[in-house]
């Protein structure tokens, strides 16, 4: 792991909370430090997500964002523990990943795991999980609070642009609607992504 951008060390010394875009590639989010496996233009932190983020101290980040990176990570549970460790109390964790019904998911040979409505609930205590369907929280994982889960869909053509906003509204109107969609309709009307917004449970 390497901190390429010297501004990170300066922010840490001054106690400024970081915003980190995990798996950013060459285009991190505005006002975020980009973290990626490869040393490329736009990458501020070079790190293997299958290894500890040892140069990032506890509670150093106020916002961790990741889009289409987690499906490539083999050691996913240890990474979630690391994210929990570096995000300060009250901080935000946003993760976007391809939904398991996404037909393009299967074409990428570097994808190693699926994501669905309840994937991140395994890091949430059962009594705090939204909706009627509960999953057992992993006893070895750190805990988060789930703020929202959102399913999105592709919009390829005119029909999609007319139909998808209506579908997106119906599916995401409640946890029960999301559950019915994933259980009964997801293979008929595939979703593109699932988006999670969480906060770490810390004193």
Foldseek 3Di string as FASTA:
>chain_A
DDQQDVVVVVCVVVLHAAEEEECQPQHRDPRHAYEECDPDHRHRHHDDLQDAPVVQAFQRHQEYEYAAPLQLHPNNQVSQQNVLGRHHAVGKYKYKHFAPLAPCLVVDPSGDDHDAPCPCLLQAPQVQDFDDDGDHRDPVHFHKHWDAKAWAADQDDPVCVVPRVVVRCQCRVGPVSVVCCVVPPCNVGPTTMMMTMIGGDDD
